[in-house]
Amino acid sequence: MARLILFNKPYGVLSQFTDDGTGTPRATLKDYLDLPGVYPAGRLDFDSEGLLLLTDDGRLQARIADPKFKLPKTYLVQVEGDVPEASISQLRQGIALKDGPTRPAEAERIADPMLWPRNPPIRVRKSIPDCWLRLTISEGRNRQVRRMTAAIGYPTLRLVRWRIGGWAVEGLAPGEWRIIDGA
């Protein structure tokens, strides 16, 4: 029976069990999970936080990670600036990136989601406002959400993956995980 692990990946942790050994050592999944035989189903950047799924089932891993299955991924994104509705509308239509246009995203401005504190905290500038967006995409390009917000003129300050398909990080503190048997 397949095991699925929901893990709230903290900021500054690699989405793999080993570091490449070059440069300053970095935290890895091994620092948080001692579960032999499970592997990440997809990736989450070193400087992003939130839901990372791991499984011991290769088919399930492929179904979660492979973009051809178009599994929606929802992100809570804190951006620099006060994003107008016209810019949010651009996200909904798809954004032209260097590696081609994105699919249309579900995008909306949201109130501060009152998440756990990030360590280290984001840089706050008193003279420049920030705001939060909820963005749902069905692709998984490298640093896609960050590139999308930058393309509309609002760089990402903090990126938290909240949901993948029907699984959410809700109720898990950074570094915590939960097993779902028979996923």
N, C-alpha and C. Protein backbone atom coordinates (compact mmCIF):
# COMPACT_ATOMS: atom_id res chain seq x y z
N MET A 1 0.84 -1.18 0.00
CA MET A 1 0.00 0.00 0.00
C MET A 1 0.89 1.25 0.00
N ALA A 2 0.57 2.20 -0.86
CA ALA A 2 1.38 3.40 -1.01
C ALA A 2 1.29 4.30 0.22
N ARG A 3 2.44 4.86 0.56
CA ARG A 3 2.47 5.87 1.62
C ARG A 3 2.69 7.23 0.96
N LEU A 4 1.98 8.22 1.46
CA LEU A 4 2.16 9.60 1.01
C LEU A 4 2.47 10.43 2.24
N ILE A 5 3.52 11.22 2.18
CA ILE A 5 3.92 12.08 3.29
C ILE A 5 3.71 13.52 2.89
N LEU A 6 2.98 14.25 3.71
CA LEU A 6 2.81 15.69 3.54
C LEU A 6 3.82 16.34 4.46
N PHE A 7 4.71 17.15 3.91
CA PHE A 7 5.79 17.77 4.66
C PHE A 7 5.74 19.27 4.45
N ASN A 8 5.82 20.03 5.55
CA ASN A 8 5.89 21.48 5.45
C ASN A 8 7.37 21.86 5.41
N LYS A 9 7.89 22.02 4.20
CA LYS A 9 9.31 22.32 4.01
C LYS A 9 9.61 23.74 4.46
N PRO A 10 10.52 23.89 5.41
CA PRO A 10 10.91 25.23 5.83
C PRO A 10 11.74 25.94 4.76
N TYR A 11 11.80 27.24 4.88
CA TYR A 11 12.69 28.06 4.05
C TYR A 11 14.12 27.58 4.28
N GLY A 12 14.93 27.51 3.22
CA GLY A 12 16.34 27.18 3.35
C GLY A 12 16.62 25.70 3.51
N VAL A 13 15.73 24.86 3.01
CA VAL A 13 15.94 23.41 3.06
C VAL A 13 15.86 22.89 1.63
N LEU A 14 16.83 22.04 1.25
CA LEU A 14 16.81 21.42 -0.07
C LEU A 14 15.70 20.38 -0.16
N SER A 15 15.09 20.24 -1.32
CA SER A 15 14.03 19.25 -1.55
C SER A 15 14.60 17.90 -1.94
N GLN A 16 15.66 17.51 -1.28
CA GLN A 16 16.31 16.22 -1.52
C GLN A 16 16.96 15.77 -0.22
N PHE A 17 17.39 14.51 -0.19
CA PHE A 17 17.92 13.95 1.05
C PHE A 17 19.41 14.18 1.25
N THR A 18 20.12 14.62 0.21
CA THR A 18 21.55 14.89 0.34
C THR A 18 21.90 16.22 -0.28
N ASP A 19 22.95 16.84 0.24
CA ASP A 19 23.50 18.06 -0.35
C ASP A 19 24.59 17.63 -1.31
N ASP A 20 24.91 18.45 -2.28
CA ASP A 20 25.94 18.07 -3.25
C ASP A 20 27.35 18.13 -2.68
N GLY A 21 27.48 18.65 -1.46
CA GLY A 21 28.78 18.67 -0.80
C GLY A 21 29.69 19.82 -1.21
N THR A 22 29.25 20.65 -2.12
CA THR A 22 30.06 21.80 -2.51
C THR A 22 29.57 23.03 -1.77
N GLY A 23 30.48 23.84 -1.32
CA GLY A 23 30.09 25.06 -0.63
C GLY A 23 29.65 24.80 0.79
N THR A 24 28.94 25.77 1.34
CA THR A 24 28.43 25.69 2.71
C THR A 24 27.37 24.60 2.80
N PRO A 25 27.46 23.72 3.79
CA PRO A 25 26.43 22.67 3.94
C PRO A 25 25.04 23.29 4.13
N ARG A 26 24.06 22.66 3.50
CA ARG A 26 22.68 23.13 3.60
C ARG A 26 21.80 22.05 4.20
N ALA A 27 20.72 22.47 4.83
CA ALA A 27 19.76 21.52 5.40
C ALA A 27 19.08 20.76 4.26
N THR A 28 18.79 19.48 4.51
CA THR A 28 18.11 18.63 3.52
C THR A 28 16.92 17.95 4.18
N LEU A 29 16.18 17.19 3.41
CA LEU A 29 15.04 16.44 3.94
C LEU A 29 15.48 15.47 5.04
N LYS A 30 16.71 14.97 4.93
CA LYS A 30 17.23 14.03 5.92
C LYS A 30 17.26 14.64 7.32
N ASP A 31 17.37 15.96 7.41
CA ASP A 31 17.38 16.63 8.71
C ASP A 31 15.99 16.63 9.36
N TYR A 32 14.95 16.28 8.59
CA TYR A 32 13.58 16.34 9.11
C TYR A 32 12.84 15.01 9.04
N LEU A 33 13.20 14.18 8.08
CA LEU A 33 12.47 12.93 7.84
C LEU A 33 13.41 11.74 7.92
N ASP A 34 13.05 10.77 8.73
CA ASP A 34 13.82 9.52 8.79
C ASP A 34 12.89 8.40 8.34
N LEU A 35 12.56 8.43 7.06
CA LEU A 35 11.63 7.45 6.49
C LEU A 35 12.28 6.82 5.27
N PRO A 36 12.89 5.66 5.41
CA PRO A 36 13.55 5.04 4.26
C PRO A 36 12.55 4.69 3.16
N GLY A 37 13.02 4.81 1.92
CA GLY A 37 12.22 4.38 0.78
C GLY A 37 11.23 5.38 0.26
N VAL A 38 11.22 6.60 0.77
CA VAL A 38 10.32 7.62 0.22
C VAL A 38 11.14 8.66 -0.54
N TYR A 39 10.51 9.22 -1.56
CA TYR A 39 11.18 10.19 -2.42
C TYR A 39 10.24 11.35 -2.71
N PRO A 40 10.81 12.55 -2.91
CA PRO A 40 9.96 13.71 -3.21
C PRO A 40 9.23 13.53 -4.53
N ALA A 41 7.98 13.93 -4.55
CA ALA A 41 7.18 13.95 -5.77
C ALA A 41 7.16 15.40 -6.25
N GLY A 42 8.20 15.78 -6.95
CA GLY A 42 8.36 17.16 -7.39
C GLY A 42 9.39 17.87 -6.52
N ARG A 43 9.50 19.15 -6.75
CA ARG A 43 10.51 19.94 -6.05
C ARG A 43 9.87 21.21 -5.48
N LEU A 44 10.57 21.79 -4.55
CA LEU A 44 10.21 23.10 -4.02
C LEU A 44 11.54 23.79 -3.77
N ASP A 45 11.72 24.96 -4.35
CA ASP A 45 13.00 25.66 -4.29
C ASP A 45 13.51 25.84 -2.87
N PHE A 46 14.81 25.93 -2.75
CA PHE A 46 15.50 26.16 -1.49
C PHE A 46 14.92 27.35 -0.73
N ASP A 47 14.60 28.43 -1.47
CA ASP A 47 14.10 29.65 -0.84
C ASP A 47 12.57 29.76 -0.85
N SER A 48 11.90 28.64 -1.06
CA SER A 48 10.44 28.59 -0.97
C SER A 48 10.06 27.68 0.20
N GLU A 49 8.84 27.82 0.66
CA GLU A 49 8.36 27.07 1.82
C GLU A 49 7.08 26.35 1.46
N GLY A 50 6.67 25.46 2.35
CA GLY A 50 5.34 24.89 2.24
C GLY A 50 5.32 23.43 1.84
N LEU A 51 4.21 23.04 1.23
CA LEU A 51 3.90 21.64 0.99
C LEU A 51 4.85 20.97 0.00
N LEU A 52 5.46 19.90 0.47
CA LEU A 52 6.23 19.00 -0.37
C LEU A 52 5.68 17.61 -0.11
N LEU A 53 5.34 16.91 -1.17
CA LEU A 53 4.82 15.55 -1.04
C LEU A 53 5.94 14.56 -1.30
N LEU A 54 5.97 13.50 -0.50
CA LEU A 54 6.93 12.41 -0.68
C LEU A 54 6.14 11.11 -0.69
N THR A 55 6.64 10.12 -1.43
CA THR A 55 5.94 8.84 -1.50
C THR A 55 6.92 7.70 -1.74
N ASP A 56 6.46 6.49 -1.48
CA ASP A 56 7.24 5.29 -1.78
C ASP A 56 6.68 4.59 -3.02
N ASP A 57 5.75 5.22 -3.73
CA ASP A 57 5.09 4.65 -4.89
C ASP A 57 5.49 5.42 -6.15
N GLY A 58 6.21 4.76 -7.05
CA GLY A 58 6.71 5.42 -8.26
C GLY A 58 5.61 5.97 -9.15
N ARG A 59 4.50 5.23 -9.30
CA ARG A 59 3.40 5.72 -10.14
C ARG A 59 2.77 6.97 -9.54
N LEU A 60 2.55 6.94 -8.23
CA LEU A 60 1.98 8.11 -7.57
C LEU A 60 2.93 9.30 -7.67
N GLN A 61 4.21 9.05 -7.50
CA GLN A 61 5.21 10.10 -7.62
C GLN A 61 5.13 10.75 -9.01
N ALA A 62 5.04 9.94 -10.06
CA ALA A 62 4.95 10.46 -11.42
C ALA A 62 3.65 11.24 -11.63
N ARG A 63 2.54 10.72 -11.10
CA ARG A 63 1.25 11.39 -11.27
C ARG A 63 1.23 12.76 -10.61
N ILE A 64 1.94 12.88 -9.47
CA ILE A 64 2.00 14.17 -8.77
C ILE A 64 2.95 15.13 -9.47
N ALA A 65 4.12 14.64 -9.88
CA ALA A 65 5.17 15.51 -10.37
C ALA A 65 5.08 15.83 -11.86
N ASP A 66 4.55 14.94 -12.67
CA ASP A 66 4.57 15.12 -14.11
C ASP A 66 3.55 16.18 -14.55
N PRO A 67 4.01 17.24 -15.25
CA PRO A 67 3.10 18.32 -15.69
C PRO A 67 1.97 17.84 -16.61
N LYS A 68 2.15 16.69 -17.28
CA LYS A 68 1.09 16.24 -18.19
C LYS A 68 -0.20 15.91 -17.46
N PHE A 69 -0.12 15.65 -16.14
CA PHE A 69 -1.33 15.36 -15.36
C PHE A 69 -2.03 16.63 -14.88
N LYS A 70 -1.36 17.78 -15.05
CA LYS A 70 -1.94 19.10 -14.74
C LYS A 70 -2.54 19.19 -13.33
N LEU A 71 -1.85 18.60 -12.36
CA LEU A 71 -2.30 18.67 -10.98
C LEU A 71 -2.15 20.10 -10.48
N PRO A 72 -3.23 20.75 -10.06
CA PRO A 72 -3.12 22.16 -9.65
C PRO A 72 -2.29 22.32 -8.37
N LYS A 73 -1.49 23.37 -8.37
CA LYS A 73 -0.66 23.71 -7.21
C LYS A 73 -0.99 25.15 -6.83
N THR A 74 -1.34 25.34 -5.55
CA THR A 74 -1.73 26.66 -5.07
C THR A 74 -0.64 27.23 -4.19
N TYR A 75 -0.29 28.47 -4.46
CA TYR A 75 0.77 29.18 -3.74
C TYR A 75 0.21 30.44 -3.10
N LEU A 76 0.70 30.75 -1.91
CA LEU A 76 0.46 32.05 -1.28
C LEU A 76 1.74 32.84 -1.51
N VAL A 77 1.60 33.98 -2.14
CA VAL A 77 2.75 34.73 -2.62
C VAL A 77 2.72 36.15 -2.08
N GLN A 78 3.74 36.50 -1.32
CA GLN A 78 3.89 37.88 -0.86
C GLN A 78 4.78 38.59 -1.87
N VAL A 79 4.28 39.67 -2.44
CA VAL A 79 5.03 40.40 -3.46
C VAL A 79 5.31 41.82 -3.01
N GLU A 80 6.35 42.37 -3.59
CA GLU A 80 6.71 43.76 -3.32
C GLU A 80 5.84 44.65 -4.18
N GLY A 81 5.14 45.58 -3.56
CA GLY A 81 4.28 46.50 -4.29
C GLY A 81 2.81 46.22 -4.04
N ASP A 82 2.00 47.13 -4.52
CA ASP A 82 0.55 47.07 -4.37
C ASP A 82 -0.03 46.67 -5.73
N VAL A 83 -0.29 45.40 -5.93
CA VAL A 83 -0.65 44.86 -7.25
C VAL A 83 -2.07 45.27 -7.64
N PRO A 84 -2.22 45.98 -8.76
CA PRO A 84 -3.56 46.35 -9.21
C PRO A 84 -4.27 45.18 -9.90
N GLU A 85 -5.57 45.27 -10.02
CA GLU A 85 -6.38 44.22 -10.64
C GLU A 85 -5.94 43.95 -12.08
N ALA A 86 -5.50 44.96 -12.80
CA ALA A 86 -5.06 44.76 -14.19
C ALA A 86 -3.87 43.81 -14.26
N SER A 87 -2.97 43.88 -13.31
CA SER A 87 -1.81 42.98 -13.29
C SER A 87 -2.23 41.57 -12.90
N ILE A 88 -3.18 41.46 -11.98
CA ILE A 88 -3.69 40.14 -11.59
C ILE A 88 -4.39 39.50 -12.79
N SER A 89 -5.08 40.31 -13.57
CA SER A 89 -5.74 39.83 -14.77
C SER A 89 -4.73 39.26 -15.77
N GLN A 90 -3.55 39.85 -15.85
CA GLN A 90 -2.49 39.33 -16.73
C GLN A 90 -2.12 37.90 -16.32
N LEU A 91 -2.01 37.66 -15.01
CA LEU A 91 -1.69 36.32 -14.52
C LEU A 91 -2.78 35.33 -14.94
N ARG A 92 -4.03 35.77 -14.91
CA ARG A 92 -5.16 34.91 -15.28
C ARG A 92 -5.15 34.55 -16.77
N GLN A 93 -4.52 35.39 -17.58
CA GLN A 93 -4.48 35.15 -19.01
C GLN A 93 -3.26 34.35 -19.44
N GLY A 94 -2.28 34.26 -18.57
CA GLY A 94 -1.01 33.61 -18.92
C GLY A 94 0.03 34.68 -19.17
N ILE A 95 1.26 34.36 -18.82
CA ILE A 95 2.36 35.32 -18.91
C ILE A 95 3.39 34.81 -19.91
N ALA A 96 3.92 35.70 -20.73
CA ALA A 96 5.00 35.34 -21.66
C ALA A 96 6.31 35.35 -20.88
N LEU A 97 6.93 34.17 -20.77
CA LEU A 97 8.23 34.04 -20.13
C LEU A 97 9.25 33.67 -21.21
N LYS A 98 10.52 33.73 -20.87
CA LYS A 98 11.57 33.43 -21.85
C LYS A 98 11.44 32.02 -22.41
N ASP A 99 10.93 31.08 -21.62
CA ASP A 99 10.78 29.70 -22.10
C ASP A 99 9.37 29.43 -22.63
N GLY A 100 8.65 30.49 -22.97
CA GLY A 100 7.33 30.35 -23.58
C GLY A 100 6.22 30.81 -22.66
N PRO A 101 5.02 30.93 -23.21
CA PRO A 101 3.89 31.41 -22.40
C PRO A 101 3.45 30.39 -21.35
N THR A 102 2.99 30.91 -20.22
CA THR A 102 2.44 30.03 -19.19
C THR A 102 0.97 29.77 -19.50
N ARG A 103 0.45 28.72 -18.91
CA ARG A 103 -0.99 28.51 -18.97
C ARG A 103 -1.65 29.57 -18.10
N PRO A 104 -2.91 29.88 -18.37
CA PRO A 104 -3.61 30.81 -17.48
C PRO A 104 -3.61 30.29 -16.04
N ALA A 105 -3.47 31.19 -15.10
CA ALA A 105 -3.46 30.84 -13.68
C ALA A 105 -4.73 31.36 -13.02
N GLU A 106 -5.12 30.70 -11.95
CA GLU A 106 -6.13 31.29 -11.08
C GLU A 106 -5.37 32.25 -10.19
N ALA A 107 -5.80 33.49 -10.13
CA ALA A 107 -5.06 34.49 -9.35
C ALA A 107 -6.02 35.44 -8.69
N GLU A 108 -5.73 35.75 -7.42
CA GLU A 108 -6.53 36.73 -6.70
C GLU A 108 -5.69 37.34 -5.59
N ARG A 109 -6.03 38.56 -5.26
CA ARG A 109 -5.39 39.22 -4.13
C ARG A 109 -6.09 38.73 -2.87
N ILE A 110 -5.31 38.48 -1.81
CA ILE A 110 -5.90 38.00 -0.56
C ILE A 110 -5.36 38.83 0.60
N ALA A 111 -6.06 38.75 1.72
CA ALA A 111 -5.58 39.38 2.95
C ALA A 111 -4.36 38.62 3.45
N ASP A 112 -3.57 39.24 4.28
CA ASP A 112 -2.40 38.59 4.87
C ASP A 112 -2.86 37.27 5.49
N PRO A 113 -2.31 36.12 5.04
CA PRO A 113 -2.78 34.83 5.54
C PRO A 113 -2.31 34.49 6.96
N MET A 114 -1.54 35.36 7.58
CA MET A 114 -1.09 35.17 8.97
C MET A 114 -0.41 33.81 9.13
N LEU A 115 0.60 33.58 8.33
CA LEU A 115 1.37 32.34 8.37
C LEU A 115 2.36 32.34 9.52
N TRP A 116 3.02 31.22 9.69
CA TRP A 116 4.11 31.09 10.66
C TRP A 116 5.21 32.09 10.29
N PRO A 117 6.00 32.52 11.27
CA PRO A 117 7.12 33.41 10.96
C PRO A 117 8.16 32.69 10.10
N ARG A 118 8.74 33.43 9.17
CA ARG A 118 9.80 32.85 8.36
C ARG A 118 11.14 33.17 9.00
N ASN A 119 12.06 32.19 8.96
CA ASN A 119 13.39 32.40 9.49
C ASN A 119 14.41 32.19 8.37
N PRO A 120 15.12 33.23 7.93
CA PRO A 120 15.04 34.60 8.39
C PRO A 120 13.82 35.31 7.82
N PRO A 121 13.37 36.39 8.49
CA PRO A 121 12.21 37.12 7.98
C PRO A 121 12.53 37.81 6.65
N ILE A 122 11.50 38.11 5.89
CA ILE A 122 11.72 38.86 4.64
C ILE A 122 12.15 40.27 4.97
N ARG A 123 12.80 40.89 4.02
CA ARG A 123 13.22 42.29 4.20
C ARG A 123 11.99 43.19 3.99
N VAL A 124 11.68 43.99 4.98
CA VAL A 124 10.55 44.91 4.90
C VAL A 124 11.08 46.31 4.68
N ARG A 125 10.52 47.01 3.70
CA ARG A 125 10.92 48.39 3.44
C ARG A 125 9.71 49.27 3.70
N LYS A 126 9.86 50.20 4.62
CA LYS A 126 8.74 51.05 5.03
C LYS A 126 8.17 51.86 3.88
N SER A 127 9.01 52.25 2.92
CA SER A 127 8.55 53.11 1.83
C SER A 127 7.91 52.33 0.69
N ILE A 128 7.99 50.99 0.71
CA ILE A 128 7.41 50.18 -0.36
C ILE A 128 6.42 49.18 0.23
N PRO A 129 5.16 49.27 -0.17
CA PRO A 129 4.16 48.34 0.37
C PRO A 129 4.36 46.94 -0.20
N ASP A 130 3.69 45.99 0.39
CA ASP A 130 3.65 44.64 -0.16
C ASP A 130 2.21 44.14 -0.05
N CYS A 131 1.92 43.05 -0.73
CA CYS A 131 0.60 42.44 -0.64
C CYS A 131 0.72 40.95 -0.92
N TRP A 132 -0.38 40.23 -0.68
CA TRP A 132 -0.42 38.78 -0.86
C TRP A 132 -1.34 38.41 -2.01
N LEU A 133 -0.92 37.40 -2.76
CA LEU A 133 -1.73 36.82 -3.82
C LEU A 133 -1.89 35.33 -3.57
N ARG A 134 -3.00 34.78 -4.04
CA ARG A 134 -3.15 33.32 -4.10
C ARG A 134 -3.11 32.99 -5.58
N LEU A 135 -2.19 32.12 -5.95
CA LEU A 135 -1.95 31.79 -7.35
C LEU A 135 -2.00 30.27 -7.51
N THR A 136 -2.84 29.79 -8.42
CA THR A 136 -2.94 28.36 -8.69
C THR A 136 -2.52 28.11 -10.12
N ILE A 137 -1.52 27.24 -10.29
CA ILE A 137 -1.02 26.91 -11.62
C ILE A 137 -1.09 25.40 -11.82
N SER A 138 -1.04 24.98 -13.07
CA SER A 138 -1.06 23.54 -13.37
C SER A 138 0.17 23.13 -14.15
N GLU A 139 1.22 23.91 -14.01
CA GLU A 139 2.52 23.60 -14.61
C GLU A 139 3.54 23.51 -13.48
N GLY A 140 4.76 23.22 -13.82
CA GLY A 140 5.78 23.15 -12.79
C GLY A 140 7.14 23.56 -13.31
N ARG A 141 7.20 24.66 -14.01
CA ARG A 141 8.48 25.12 -14.55
C ARG A 141 9.38 25.64 -13.43
N ASN A 142 10.65 25.67 -13.70
CA ASN A 142 11.63 26.14 -12.73
C ASN A 142 11.32 27.58 -12.31
N ARG A 143 11.12 27.80 -11.03
CA ARG A 143 10.88 29.11 -10.43
C ARG A 143 9.74 29.87 -11.14
N GLN A 144 8.75 29.14 -11.58
CA GLN A 144 7.69 29.72 -12.41
C GLN A 144 6.91 30.84 -11.72
N VAL A 145 6.47 30.63 -10.50
CA VAL A 145 5.66 31.66 -9.83
C VAL A 145 6.48 32.93 -9.65
N ARG A 146 7.72 32.79 -9.22
CA ARG A 146 8.59 33.97 -9.06
C ARG A 146 8.78 34.70 -10.38
N ARG A 147 8.96 33.95 -11.46
CA ARG A 147 9.15 34.59 -12.77
C ARG A 147 7.86 35.25 -13.25
N MET A 148 6.72 34.66 -12.92
CA MET A 148 5.44 35.26 -13.33
C MET A 148 5.20 36.58 -12.62
N THR A 149 5.42 36.63 -11.30
CA THR A 149 5.18 37.88 -10.59
C THR A 149 6.19 38.95 -11.01
N ALA A 150 7.42 38.54 -11.27
CA ALA A 150 8.43 39.50 -11.74
C ALA A 150 8.05 40.06 -13.11
N ALA A 151 7.48 39.20 -13.97
CA ALA A 151 7.10 39.63 -15.32
C ALA A 151 6.01 40.70 -15.32
N ILE A 152 5.19 40.72 -14.27
CA ILE A 152 4.16 41.77 -14.19
C ILE A 152 4.64 42.95 -13.34
N GLY A 153 5.91 42.90 -12.91
CA GLY A 153 6.50 44.04 -12.20
C GLY A 153 6.44 43.99 -10.69
N TYR A 154 6.14 42.81 -10.12
CA TYR A 154 6.00 42.69 -8.67
C TYR A 154 6.81 41.50 -8.17
N PRO A 155 8.07 41.73 -7.77
CA PRO A 155 8.92 40.61 -7.35
C PRO A 155 8.39 39.90 -6.12
N THR A 156 8.60 38.60 -6.08
CA THR A 156 8.18 37.77 -4.96
C THR A 156 9.11 37.96 -3.78
N LEU A 157 8.53 38.20 -2.61
CA LEU A 157 9.29 38.30 -1.37
C LEU A 157 9.25 36.98 -0.60
N ARG A 158 8.09 36.34 -0.61
CA ARG A 158 7.91 35.09 0.11
C ARG A 158 6.97 34.21 -0.70
N LEU A 159 7.32 32.92 -0.80
CA LEU A 159 6.53 31.99 -1.59
C LEU A 159 6.26 30.74 -0.76
N VAL A 160 4.97 30.45 -0.56
CA VAL A 160 4.56 29.30 0.25
C VAL A 160 3.61 28.45 -0.60
N ARG A 161 4.02 27.20 -0.87
CA ARG A 161 3.09 26.31 -1.57
C ARG A 161 2.11 25.78 -0.54
N TRP A 162 0.83 26.04 -0.76
CA TRP A 162 -0.20 25.72 0.20
C TRP A 162 -0.90 24.40 -0.13
N ARG A 163 -1.06 24.11 -1.42
CA ARG A 163 -1.86 22.96 -1.81
C ARG A 163 -1.32 22.35 -3.10
N ILE A 164 -1.40 21.02 -3.17
CA ILE A 164 -1.15 20.27 -4.40
C ILE A 164 -2.34 19.36 -4.57
N GLY A 165 -3.12 19.56 -5.63
CA GLY A 165 -4.34 18.77 -5.82
C GLY A 165 -5.22 18.90 -4.59
N GLY A 166 -5.58 17.78 -3.99
CA GLY A 166 -6.44 17.80 -2.80
C GLY A 166 -5.70 17.81 -1.48
N TRP A 167 -4.37 17.86 -1.52
CA TRP A 167 -3.57 17.84 -0.29
C TRP A 167 -3.10 19.24 0.06
N ALA A 168 -3.20 19.60 1.34
CA ALA A 168 -2.81 20.94 1.79
C ALA A 168 -1.86 20.85 2.99
N VAL A 169 -1.10 21.91 3.19
CA VAL A 169 -0.13 21.98 4.28
C VAL A 169 -0.78 22.47 5.58
N GLU A 170 -2.02 22.86 5.49
CA GLU A 170 -2.74 23.39 6.64
C GLU A 170 -2.61 22.47 7.85
N GLY A 171 -2.29 23.05 9.00
CA GLY A 171 -2.17 22.30 10.24
C GLY A 171 -0.77 21.76 10.51
N LEU A 172 0.15 21.94 9.57
CA LEU A 172 1.53 21.48 9.76
C LEU A 172 2.45 22.68 9.93
N ALA A 173 3.18 22.73 11.01
CA ALA A 173 4.17 23.79 11.22
C ALA A 173 5.40 23.48 10.37
N PRO A 174 6.24 24.47 10.10
CA PRO A 174 7.45 24.20 9.33
C PRO A 174 8.26 23.07 9.96
N GLY A 175 8.68 22.11 9.11
CA GLY A 175 9.45 20.97 9.58
C GLY A 175 8.59 19.78 10.02
N GLU A 176 7.27 19.97 10.14
CA GLU A 176 6.38 18.87 10.54
C GLU A 176 5.90 18.10 9.31
N TRP A 177 5.54 16.85 9.53
CA TRP A 177 5.03 16.02 8.46
C TRP A 177 3.96 15.07 9.00
N ARG A 178 3.18 14.54 8.03
CA ARG A 178 2.09 13.62 8.36
C ARG A 178 2.03 12.55 7.27
N ILE A 179 1.82 11.31 7.66
CA ILE A 179 1.70 10.21 6.70
C ILE A 179 0.23 9.95 6.40
N ILE A 180 -0.05 9.77 5.12
CA ILE A 180 -1.39 9.35 4.68
C ILE A 180 -1.17 7.97 4.04
N ASP A 181 -1.67 6.92 4.68
CA ASP A 181 -1.52 5.57 4.14
C ASP A 181 -2.57 5.32 3.06
N GLY A 182 -2.18 4.56 2.05
CA GLY A 182 -3.11 4.16 0.99
C GLY A 182 -3.50 5.28 0.07
N ALA A 183 -2.64 6.25 -0.12
CA ALA A 183 -2.95 7.41 -0.96
C ALA A 183 -3.20 7.02 -2.40
